N, C-alpha and C. Protein backbone atom coordinates (compact mmCIF):
# COMPACT_ATOMS: atom_id res chain seq x y z
N MET A 1 30.36 -98.49 159.92
CA MET A 1 29.35 -98.19 158.92
C MET A 1 29.95 -97.40 157.76
N LEU A 2 30.80 -96.42 158.08
CA LEU A 2 31.41 -95.63 157.02
C LEU A 2 32.27 -96.48 156.11
N ALA A 3 33.01 -97.42 156.69
CA ALA A 3 33.86 -98.29 155.88
C ALA A 3 33.03 -99.15 154.93
N GLU A 4 31.80 -99.46 155.31
CA GLU A 4 30.94 -100.30 154.48
C GLU A 4 30.27 -99.51 153.36
N ASP A 5 29.90 -98.27 153.63
CA ASP A 5 29.21 -97.46 152.63
C ASP A 5 29.73 -96.03 152.67
N LEU A 6 30.72 -95.75 151.85
CA LEU A 6 31.36 -94.43 151.84
C LEU A 6 30.42 -93.34 151.35
N SER A 7 29.37 -93.70 150.62
CA SER A 7 28.46 -92.69 150.09
C SER A 7 27.70 -91.96 151.20
N ILE A 8 27.55 -92.57 152.38
CA ILE A 8 26.86 -91.91 153.49
C ILE A 8 27.55 -90.59 153.83
N PHE A 9 28.87 -90.63 153.94
CA PHE A 9 29.65 -89.43 154.28
C PHE A 9 29.56 -88.40 153.16
N LEU A 10 29.74 -88.82 151.93
CA LEU A 10 29.73 -87.88 150.81
C LEU A 10 28.34 -87.31 150.54
N ASN A 11 27.29 -88.07 150.82
CA ASN A 11 25.93 -87.55 150.62
C ASN A 11 25.67 -86.34 151.51
N ASP A 12 26.22 -86.34 152.71
CA ASP A 12 26.00 -85.24 153.65
C ASP A 12 26.89 -84.03 153.38
N PHE A 13 28.13 -84.26 152.98
CA PHE A 13 29.11 -83.18 152.90
C PHE A 13 29.67 -82.94 151.50
N GLY A 14 29.37 -83.79 150.56
CA GLY A 14 29.96 -83.70 149.23
C GLY A 14 29.24 -82.74 148.29
N GLU A 15 29.91 -82.46 147.18
CA GLU A 15 29.37 -81.62 146.11
C GLU A 15 29.48 -82.36 144.80
N GLN A 16 28.57 -82.05 143.89
CA GLN A 16 28.62 -82.66 142.57
C GLN A 16 29.70 -82.00 141.72
N ALA A 17 30.43 -82.81 140.98
CA ALA A 17 31.46 -82.32 140.07
C ALA A 17 31.38 -83.15 138.78
N VAL A 18 31.89 -82.58 137.71
CA VAL A 18 31.90 -83.27 136.42
C VAL A 18 33.35 -83.55 136.05
N LEU A 19 33.65 -84.82 135.84
CA LEU A 19 35.00 -85.26 135.49
C LEU A 19 35.10 -85.45 133.99
N ASN A 20 36.03 -84.76 133.36
CA ASN A 20 36.29 -84.87 131.92
C ASN A 20 35.04 -84.67 131.07
N ASN A 21 34.18 -83.76 131.50
CA ASN A 21 32.96 -83.40 130.76
C ASN A 21 32.01 -84.57 130.52
N THR A 22 32.20 -85.69 131.21
CA THR A 22 31.36 -86.86 130.93
C THR A 22 30.78 -87.52 132.17
N CYS A 23 31.46 -87.49 133.28
CA CYS A 23 31.10 -88.31 134.43
C CYS A 23 30.76 -87.45 135.64
N LEU A 24 29.59 -87.64 136.23
CA LEU A 24 29.19 -86.92 137.43
C LEU A 24 29.70 -87.68 138.65
N VAL A 25 30.46 -86.99 139.51
CA VAL A 25 31.04 -87.59 140.72
C VAL A 25 30.74 -86.69 141.92
N THR A 26 30.82 -87.26 143.11
CA THR A 26 30.63 -86.50 144.34
C THR A 26 31.97 -86.38 145.05
N VAL A 27 32.33 -85.14 145.40
CA VAL A 27 33.64 -84.89 146.02
C VAL A 27 33.49 -83.92 147.20
N LEU A 28 34.48 -83.94 148.06
CA LEU A 28 34.65 -82.91 149.07
C LEU A 28 35.60 -81.89 148.46
N TYR A 29 35.17 -80.66 148.37
CA TYR A 29 35.92 -79.61 147.67
C TYR A 29 36.50 -78.64 148.69
N GLY A 30 37.74 -78.26 148.48
CA GLY A 30 38.36 -77.29 149.36
C GLY A 30 39.31 -76.38 148.61
N ALA A 31 39.30 -75.10 148.97
CA ALA A 31 40.21 -74.12 148.38
C ALA A 31 40.77 -73.28 149.53
N ASN A 32 41.66 -73.88 150.29
CA ASN A 32 42.23 -73.22 151.46
C ASN A 32 43.48 -72.44 151.11
N TYR A 33 43.73 -71.38 151.85
CA TYR A 33 44.94 -70.60 151.62
C TYR A 33 46.12 -71.27 152.29
N ASP A 34 47.18 -71.43 151.53
CA ASP A 34 48.38 -72.12 152.00
C ASP A 34 49.57 -71.50 151.28
N PRO A 35 50.53 -70.95 152.01
CA PRO A 35 51.67 -70.30 151.36
C PRO A 35 52.52 -71.25 150.50
N MET A 36 52.41 -72.55 150.73
CA MET A 36 53.17 -73.51 149.95
C MET A 36 52.33 -74.16 148.84
N ALA A 37 51.18 -73.59 148.54
CA ALA A 37 50.23 -74.19 147.60
C ALA A 37 50.69 -74.09 146.17
N LEU A 38 50.03 -74.89 145.32
CA LEU A 38 50.33 -74.91 143.89
C LEU A 38 49.92 -73.62 143.20
N GLY A 39 48.78 -73.05 143.59
CA GLY A 39 48.25 -71.89 142.89
C GLY A 39 49.04 -70.63 143.15
N ALA A 40 49.07 -69.76 142.18
CA ALA A 40 49.82 -68.51 142.30
C ALA A 40 49.25 -67.60 143.37
N ASP A 41 47.95 -67.73 143.65
CA ASP A 41 47.33 -66.87 144.65
C ASP A 41 47.39 -67.48 146.05
N GLY A 42 48.13 -68.57 146.22
CA GLY A 42 48.32 -69.17 147.54
C GLY A 42 47.20 -70.06 148.00
N ARG A 43 46.42 -70.59 147.07
CA ARG A 43 45.35 -71.51 147.46
C ARG A 43 45.75 -72.95 147.16
N ALA A 44 45.44 -73.83 148.08
CA ALA A 44 45.58 -75.27 147.86
C ALA A 44 44.19 -75.77 147.50
N ILE A 45 43.97 -76.04 146.24
CA ILE A 45 42.65 -76.44 145.77
C ILE A 45 42.64 -77.96 145.66
N THR A 46 41.72 -78.60 146.41
CA THR A 46 41.65 -80.05 146.42
C THR A 46 40.22 -80.54 146.26
N ALA A 47 40.13 -81.76 145.82
CA ALA A 47 38.85 -82.48 145.79
C ALA A 47 39.16 -83.91 146.23
N VAL A 48 38.33 -84.42 147.12
CA VAL A 48 38.49 -85.79 147.61
C VAL A 48 37.24 -86.56 147.26
N GLY A 49 37.42 -87.72 146.65
CA GLY A 49 36.27 -88.54 146.27
C GLY A 49 36.56 -90.01 146.44
N ARG A 50 35.52 -90.81 146.28
CA ARG A 50 35.68 -92.26 146.35
C ARG A 50 36.51 -92.72 145.16
N THR A 51 37.49 -93.54 145.42
CA THR A 51 38.37 -94.03 144.37
C THR A 51 37.59 -94.81 143.32
N ASP A 52 36.64 -95.63 143.74
CA ASP A 52 35.87 -96.40 142.77
C ASP A 52 34.99 -95.53 141.89
N GLU A 53 34.60 -94.36 142.37
CA GLU A 53 33.78 -93.44 141.58
C GLU A 53 34.64 -92.60 140.63
N LEU A 54 35.83 -92.21 141.10
CA LEU A 54 36.71 -91.38 140.26
C LEU A 54 37.38 -92.18 139.16
N GLY A 55 37.52 -93.48 139.35
CA GLY A 55 38.19 -94.30 138.35
C GLY A 55 39.67 -93.96 138.29
N THR A 56 40.24 -94.09 137.13
CA THR A 56 41.66 -93.79 136.95
C THR A 56 41.79 -92.33 136.53
N VAL A 57 41.99 -91.47 137.50
CA VAL A 57 42.17 -90.04 137.23
C VAL A 57 43.64 -89.80 136.94
N LEU A 58 43.91 -89.07 135.88
CA LEU A 58 45.29 -88.82 135.46
C LEU A 58 45.62 -87.33 135.54
N GLN A 59 46.89 -87.04 135.65
CA GLN A 59 47.35 -85.65 135.60
C GLN A 59 46.87 -85.05 134.28
N GLY A 60 46.29 -83.87 134.37
CA GLY A 60 45.78 -83.20 133.17
C GLY A 60 44.31 -83.41 132.93
N ASP A 61 43.68 -84.37 133.64
CA ASP A 61 42.24 -84.54 133.50
C ASP A 61 41.54 -83.27 133.97
N ARG A 62 40.29 -83.13 133.58
CA ARG A 62 39.55 -81.90 133.85
C ARG A 62 38.42 -82.15 134.83
N LEU A 63 38.22 -81.21 135.76
CA LEU A 63 37.16 -81.32 136.76
C LEU A 63 36.43 -79.98 136.85
N GLU A 64 35.10 -80.03 136.80
CA GLU A 64 34.29 -78.82 136.96
C GLU A 64 33.55 -78.91 138.29
N ILE A 65 33.75 -77.90 139.15
CA ILE A 65 33.07 -77.81 140.44
C ILE A 65 32.57 -76.38 140.60
N ARG A 66 31.31 -76.21 140.97
CA ARG A 66 30.72 -74.88 141.18
C ARG A 66 30.90 -73.98 139.96
N ASN A 67 30.79 -74.53 138.78
CA ASN A 67 30.97 -73.80 137.51
C ASN A 67 32.37 -73.23 137.36
N LEU A 68 33.35 -73.80 138.05
CA LEU A 68 34.76 -73.44 137.90
C LEU A 68 35.48 -74.65 137.32
N TYR A 69 36.48 -74.39 136.48
CA TYR A 69 37.17 -75.47 135.78
C TYR A 69 38.59 -75.61 136.29
N TYR A 70 38.98 -76.87 136.51
CA TYR A 70 40.31 -77.19 137.04
C TYR A 70 40.92 -78.33 136.23
N THR A 71 42.25 -78.40 136.26
CA THR A 71 42.94 -79.58 135.77
C THR A 71 43.56 -80.27 136.97
N VAL A 72 43.69 -81.57 136.88
CA VAL A 72 44.26 -82.37 137.95
C VAL A 72 45.78 -82.26 137.88
N ALA A 73 46.39 -81.75 138.95
CA ALA A 73 47.85 -81.68 139.04
C ALA A 73 48.41 -83.00 139.55
N THR A 74 47.77 -83.55 140.59
CA THR A 74 48.17 -84.85 141.13
C THR A 74 46.93 -85.58 141.64
N ALA A 75 47.01 -86.88 141.65
CA ALA A 75 45.97 -87.73 142.22
C ALA A 75 46.67 -88.76 143.09
N GLU A 76 46.27 -88.82 144.37
CA GLU A 76 46.94 -89.75 145.27
C GLU A 76 45.92 -90.42 146.19
N PRO A 77 46.08 -91.73 146.41
CA PRO A 77 45.18 -92.42 147.32
C PRO A 77 45.41 -91.95 148.75
N ILE A 78 44.37 -91.99 149.56
CA ILE A 78 44.46 -91.64 150.97
C ILE A 78 44.39 -92.93 151.78
N GLN A 79 45.36 -93.15 152.61
CA GLN A 79 45.47 -94.30 153.53
C GLN A 79 45.14 -95.63 152.85
N ASP A 80 43.96 -96.19 153.11
CA ASP A 80 43.63 -97.53 152.61
C ASP A 80 43.22 -97.54 151.13
N GLY A 81 43.20 -96.36 150.49
CA GLY A 81 42.91 -96.28 149.06
C GLY A 81 41.45 -96.19 148.69
N GLN A 82 40.55 -96.13 149.67
CA GLN A 82 39.14 -96.01 149.33
C GLN A 82 38.77 -94.60 148.87
N PHE A 83 39.57 -93.62 149.29
CA PHE A 83 39.40 -92.24 148.83
C PHE A 83 40.64 -91.80 148.07
N THR A 84 40.46 -90.88 147.13
CA THR A 84 41.56 -90.30 146.37
C THR A 84 41.52 -88.79 146.52
N ARG A 85 42.69 -88.18 146.78
CA ARG A 85 42.80 -86.72 146.88
C ARG A 85 43.36 -86.19 145.56
N LEU A 86 42.65 -85.23 144.99
CA LEU A 86 43.09 -84.55 143.76
C LEU A 86 43.59 -83.17 144.11
N GLN A 87 44.81 -82.84 143.72
CA GLN A 87 45.32 -81.48 143.80
C GLN A 87 44.95 -80.83 142.47
N LEU A 88 44.30 -79.68 142.54
CA LEU A 88 43.75 -79.07 141.33
C LEU A 88 44.42 -77.73 141.03
N GLU A 89 44.46 -77.40 139.74
CA GLU A 89 44.93 -76.08 139.29
C GLU A 89 43.83 -75.46 138.45
N GLU A 90 43.60 -74.16 138.66
CA GLU A 90 42.57 -73.48 137.87
C GLU A 90 42.97 -73.41 136.41
N VAL A 91 41.96 -73.54 135.55
CA VAL A 91 42.20 -73.47 134.10
C VAL A 91 42.18 -72.01 133.68
């Protein structure tokens, strides 16, 4: 069922985010502490969303989640490519 309709999973656990000040998307947001993380404070900030909803996300694109602003450091498909993981940096 999940493979057929990915929105079921995101509807229960996802959060609304704004991509490039124009597009509303649903993502799984995480800001976990990781000593090898991109952020100076040791947080690995990520957002995972449906690839078809995120479109072509590029390094440097902007994402707003919970009234916080981030730029996309990397965007990579997860396994079969139906989801994309964004590594984020605070603006």
